[in-house]
C-alpha atoms as a PDB file:
ATOM      1  CA  MET A   1      -4.983  17.936 -26.092  1.00  0.00           C
ATOM      2  CA  ASN A   2      -5.510  19.482 -23.048  1.00  0.00           C
ATOM      3  CA  GLN A   3      -3.843  17.980 -19.293  1.00  0.00           C
ATOM      4  CA  GLY A   4      -7.635  17.209 -18.213  1.00  0.00           C
ATOM      5  CA  THR A   5      -8.232  14.672 -21.968  1.00  0.00           C
ATOM      6  CA  LYS A   6      -4.491  13.324 -21.085  1.00  0.00           C
ATOM      7  CA  LYS A   7      -4.975  12.893 -17.455  1.00  0.00           C
ATOM      8  CA  ARG A   8      -8.766  10.737 -18.101  1.00  0.00           C
ATOM      9  CA  ARG A   9      -7.038   8.660 -20.974  1.00  0.00           C
ATOM     10  CA  SER A  10      -4.397   7.666 -18.760  1.00  0.00           C
ATOM     11  CA  ALA A  11      -7.213   6.646 -15.617  1.00  0.00           C
ATOM     12  CA  ASP A  12      -9.520   5.307 -18.583  1.00  0.00           C
ATOM     13  CA  LYS A  13      -6.338   2.853 -19.215  1.00  0.00           C
ATOM     14  CA  TYR A  14      -6.157   2.093 -16.337  1.00  0.00           C
ATOM     15  CA  ALA A  15     -10.021   1.305 -15.263  1.00  0.00           C
ATOM     16  CA  GLN A  16      -9.334  -1.266 -18.536  1.00  0.00           C
ATOM     17  CA  THR A  17      -6.291  -3.651 -17.277  1.00  0.00           C
ATOM     18  CA  ARG A  18      -7.401  -3.363 -13.528  1.00  0.00           C
ATOM     19  CA  PRO A  19      -8.887  -7.092 -13.037  1.00  0.00           C
ATOM     20  CA  VAL A  20     -11.985  -7.512 -10.633  1.00  0.00           C
ATOM     21  CA  LEU A  21     -10.948  -7.824  -7.270  1.00  0.00           C
ATOM     22  CA  LEU A  22     -11.650  -8.886  -3.089  1.00  0.00           C
ATOM     23  CA  ASN A  23     -14.977 -10.335  -4.330  1.00  0.00           C
ATOM     24  CA  SER A  24     -13.601 -14.030  -3.865  1.00  0.00           C
ATOM     25  CA  TRP A  25     -12.660 -13.342  -0.050  1.00  0.00           C
ATOM     26  CA  SER A  26     -13.475 -14.376   2.827  1.00  0.00           C
ATOM     27  CA  LYS A  27     -14.876 -11.371   4.559  1.00  0.00           C
ATOM     28  CA  ASP A  28     -12.987 -11.984   8.098  1.00  0.00           C
ATOM     29  CA  TYR A  29      -9.697 -12.809   7.125  1.00  0.00           C
ATOM     30  CA  TYR A  30      -6.310 -11.041   5.396  1.00  0.00           C
ATOM     31  CA  THR A  31      -2.856 -11.241   4.964  1.00  0.00           C
ATOM     32  CA  LEU A  32      -1.119  -8.033   3.965  1.00  0.00           C
ATOM     33  CA  GLY A  33       0.953  -9.550   1.106  1.00  0.00           C
ATOM     34  CA  ILE A  34      -3.000 -10.788   0.063  1.00  0.00           C
ATOM     35  CA  PHE A  35      -4.287  -7.851   0.754  1.00  0.00           C
ATOM     36  CA  CYS A  36      -1.710  -6.045  -1.468  1.00  0.00           C
ATOM     37  CA  GLN A  37      -1.689  -8.405  -4.197  1.00  0.00           C
ATOM     38  CA  LYS A  38      -5.766  -8.000  -4.690  1.00  0.00           C
ATOM     39  CA  THR A  39      -5.995  -4.477  -4.614  1.00  0.00           C
ATOM     40  CA  ASN A  40      -2.831  -3.957  -6.726  1.00  0.00           C
ATOM     41  CA  LEU A  41      -1.696  -2.077  -4.749  1.00  0.00           C
ATOM     42  CA  VAL A  42       1.125  -1.862  -5.931  1.00  0.00           C
ATOM     43  CA  GLU A  43       0.077  -1.713 -10.165  1.00  0.00           C
ATOM     44  CA  TYR A  44      -2.071   1.868  -8.540  1.00  0.00           C
ATOM     45  CA  ALA A  45       1.263   3.466  -7.102  1.00  0.00           C
ATOM     46  CA  ARG A  46       3.329   3.174  -9.547  1.00  0.00           C
ATOM     47  CA  THR A  47       1.425   4.408 -12.199  1.00  0.00           C
ATOM     48  CA  GLY A  48       1.008   7.428 -11.090  1.00  0.00           C
ATOM     49  CA  LEU A  49      -2.699   7.118 -10.095  1.00  0.00           C
ATOM     50  CA  SER A  50      -1.586   7.439  -6.378  1.00  0.00           C
ATOM     51  CA  VAL A  51       0.719  10.319  -4.870  1.00  0.00           C
ATOM     52  CA  LEU A  52       3.584   8.889  -3.369  1.00  0.00           C
ATOM     53  CA  ARG A  53       5.517  10.890  -0.873  1.00  0.00           C
ATOM     54  CA  ARG A  54       8.578   8.352  -1.321  1.00  0.00           C
ATOM     55  CA  PRO A  55       8.089   6.769  -4.713  1.00  0.00           C
ATOM     56  CA  CYS A  56       9.521   3.060  -5.681  1.00  0.00           C
ATOM     57  CA  GLU A  57       9.983   2.832  -1.776  1.00  0.00           C
ATOM     58  CA  GLU A  58       6.970   1.070  -1.461  1.00  0.00           C
ATOM     59  CA  ALA A  59       7.524  -1.482  -2.636  1.00  0.00           C
ATOM     60  CA  LYS A  60       9.308  -2.793   0.025  1.00  0.00           C
ATOM     61  CA  LEU A  61       6.806  -2.663   2.284  1.00  0.00           C
ATOM     62  CA  PHE A  62       4.272  -4.453   0.386  1.00  0.00           C
ATOM     63  CA  ASP A  63       7.470  -7.335   0.302  1.00  0.00           C
ATOM     64  CA  MET A  64       7.047  -7.379   4.079  1.00  0.00           C
ATOM     65  CA  GLY A  65       4.676  -9.721   4.226  1.00  0.00           C
ATOM     66  CA  ILE A  66       3.705 -11.597   0.991  1.00  0.00           C
ATOM     67  CA  ALA A  67       5.787 -14.501   2.874  1.00  0.00           C
ATOM     68  CA  ASP A  68       2.984 -14.560   5.038  1.00  0.00           C
ATOM     69  CA  ALA A  69       0.856 -17.419   4.850  1.00  0.00           C
ATOM     70  CA  ASP A  70      -1.208 -16.672   8.275  1.00  0.00           C
ATOM     71  CA  GLU A  71      -4.766 -15.527   8.599  1.00  0.00           C
ATOM     72  CA  TRP A  72      -5.375 -12.249   9.573  1.00  0.00           C
ATOM     73  CA  THR A  73      -7.738  -9.950  10.258  1.00  0.00           C
ATOM     74  CA  PHE A  74      -7.484  -6.158   9.187  1.00  0.00           C
ATOM     75  CA  ARG A  75      -6.683  -5.418  12.765  1.00  0.00           C
ATOM     76  CA  ASP A  76      -3.583  -7.343  12.877  1.00  0.00           C
ATOM     77  CA  ILE A  77      -1.970  -5.430   9.863  1.00  0.00           C
ATOM     78  CA  ALA A  78      -3.421  -2.365  10.915  1.00  0.00           C
ATOM     79  CA  PHE A  79      -0.637  -0.567  11.258  1.00  0.00           C
ATOM     80  CA  GLU A  80       0.972  -1.929   7.749  1.00  0.00           C
ATOM     81  CA  ILE A  81      -1.894  -0.734   6.199  1.00  0.00           C
ATOM     82  CA  PHE A  82      -1.812   2.523   7.781  1.00  0.00           C
ATOM     83  CA  GLN A  83       1.973   3.006   6.195  1.00  0.00           C
ATOM     84  CA  ILE A  84       0.561   1.800   2.877  1.00  0.00           C
ATOM     85  CA  ARG A  85      -1.795   4.408   3.205  1.00  0.00           C
ATOM     86  CA  GLU A  86       1.072   7.681   4.264  1.00  0.00           C
ATOM     87  CA  LEU A  87       2.777   6.108   1.092  1.00  0.00           C
ATOM     88  CA  THR A  88       0.221   6.139  -1.315  1.00  0.00           C
ATOM     89  CA  GLY A  89      -1.411   9.532   0.148  1.00  0.00           C
ATOM     90  CA  SER A  90      -5.067  10.734   0.162  1.00  0.00           C
ATOM     91  CA  ARG A  91      -5.905   8.647  -2.777  1.00  0.00           C
ATOM     92  CA  PHE A  92      -6.006   5.123  -1.204  1.00  0.00           C
ATOM     93  CA  ASP A  93      -9.578   5.309   0.740  1.00  0.00           C
ATOM     94  CA  SER A  94     -11.157   6.498  -3.064  1.00  0.00           C
ATOM     95  CA  PHE A  95      -8.944   3.275  -4.424  1.00  0.00           C
ATOM     96  CA  ILE A  96     -10.162   0.603  -2.220  1.00  0.00           C
ATOM     97  CA  TYR A  97     -13.833   2.257  -2.210  1.00  0.00           C
ATOM     98  CA  GLU A  98     -13.620   1.530  -6.116  1.00  0.00           C
ATOM     99  CA  GLN A  99     -12.144  -1.621  -5.589  1.00  0.00           C
ATOM    100  CA  ALA A 100     -14.301  -3.159  -2.538  1.00  0.00           C
ATOM    101  CA  GLY A 101     -16.613  -1.211  -1.427  1.00  0.00           C
ATOM    102  CA  PHE A 102     -17.866   1.333   1.137  1.00  0.00           C
ATOM    103  CA  ARG A 103     -18.013  -1.239   3.497  1.00  0.00           C
ATOM    104  CA  VAL A 104     -14.925  -2.872   2.788  1.00  0.00           C
ATOM    105  CA  LEU A 105     -13.454   0.738   3.777  1.00  0.00           C
ATOM    106  CA  LEU A 106     -14.472   1.328   6.668  1.00  0.00           C
ATOM    107  CA  GLU A 107     -13.698  -2.161   8.027  1.00  0.00           C
ATOM    108  CA  ILE A 108     -10.031  -0.645   6.915  1.00  0.00           C
ATOM    109  CA  LYS A 109     -10.520   3.006   8.724  1.00  0.00           C
ATOM    110  CA  GLU A 110     -12.074   1.547  12.085  1.00  0.00           C
ATOM    111  CA  ALA A 111      -8.866  -0.810  12.023  1.00  0.00           C
ATOM    112  CA  VAL A 112      -6.271   1.608  10.947  1.00  0.00           C
ATOM    113  CA  LYS A 113      -8.169   4.323  13.377  1.00  0.00           C
ATOM    114  CA  ASP A 114      -5.923   3.007  16.246  1.00  0.00           C
ATOM    115  CA  ALA A 115      -3.028   0.948  15.237  1.00  0.00           C
ATOM    116  CA  HIS A 116      -0.688   3.504  17.018  1.00  0.00           C
ATOM    117  CA  ASP A 117      -1.998   2.860  20.340  1.00  0.00           C
ATOM    118  CA  TRP A 118      -1.722  -1.251  20.105  1.00  0.00           C
ATOM    119  CA  GLU A 119       1.080  -1.509  17.507  1.00  0.00           C
ATOM    120  CA  THR A 120       4.413  -3.761  19.087  1.00  0.00           C
ATOM    121  CA  GLU A 121       7.984  -3.470  19.678  1.00  0.00           C
ATOM    122  CA  GLU A 122       9.038  -5.199  16.804  1.00  0.00           C
ATOM    123  CA  GLN A 123       6.200  -2.816  13.851  1.00  0.00           C
ATOM    124  CA  ILE A 124       7.578   0.418  15.376  1.00  0.00           C
ATOM    125  CA  LYS A 125      11.292  -1.126  14.740  1.00  0.00           C
ATOM    126  CA  THR A 126      10.182  -2.057  11.362  1.00  0.00           C
ATOM    127  CA  GLY A 127       8.392   0.926  10.662  1.00  0.00           C
ATOM    128  CA  LEU A 128      11.338   3.202  11.936  1.00  0.00           C
ATOM    129  CA  GLU A 129      14.022   0.954   9.980  1.00  0.00           C
ATOM    130  CA  PHE A 130      11.709   1.148   6.580  1.00  0.00           C
ATOM    131  CA  VAL A 131      11.493   5.728   6.762  1.00  0.00           C
ATOM    132  CA  ASN A 132      15.074   5.664   7.919  1.00  0.00           C
ATOM    133  CA  LEU A 133      15.677   3.934   4.020  1.00  0.00           C
ATOM    134  CA  LYS A 134      15.001   6.761   2.331  1.00  0.00           C
ATOM    135  CA  ASN A 135      17.905   8.924   4.263  1.00  0.00           C
ATOM    136  CA  GLN A 136      20.565   6.511   4.028  1.00  0.00           C
ATOM    137  CA  PRO A 137      23.376   7.315   1.264  1.00  0.00           C
ATOM    138  CA  VAL A 138      23.168   5.106  -1.907  1.00  0.00           C
ATOM    139  CA  TYR A 139      27.174   4.509  -2.470  1.00  0.00           C
ATOM    140  CA  ASN A 140      28.889   4.137  -5.667  1.00  0.00           C
ATOM    141  CA  GLN A 141      30.852   0.638  -4.869  1.00  0.00           C
ATOM    142  CA  GLU A 142      33.600   1.560  -7.390  1.00  0.00           C
ATOM    143  CA  VAL A 143      33.974   5.223  -5.205  1.00  0.00           C
ATOM    144  CA  MET A 144      34.310   2.989  -1.593  1.00  0.00           C
ATOM    145  CA  GLU A 145      36.835   0.874  -3.025  1.00  0.00           C
ATOM    146  CA  ALA A 146      39.058   4.297  -4.136  1.00  0.00           C
END
């Protein structure tokens, strides 16, 4: 089996398990948790269909908004979506296009475009803490006790 066939079968397997998404969404309001859940981004990132810059760290980002019950627009969560795009690489856009269509992709791109211009101090701090998680060494408890 050549490499192309293997990749195609992997993509076909993912396509068979992928649910129909976003059809029942309200057109204007989302939460980050619902956005991630409805677009199945966690599973998408873990299947290897995205090129993660920080593998396995994406779950911490997705968990940031899941407990939130407030309704937000894409603009309200644009900084978080920007971080998701950074983590999942260039395939994020094509994934959203497949799942939600071109109109939703344009809405997301428009919202994210100016994310750095208006992010709050809390978002900046959260983003920096998230990025720094990867740089922190993990110590074995036994080594620390010795």
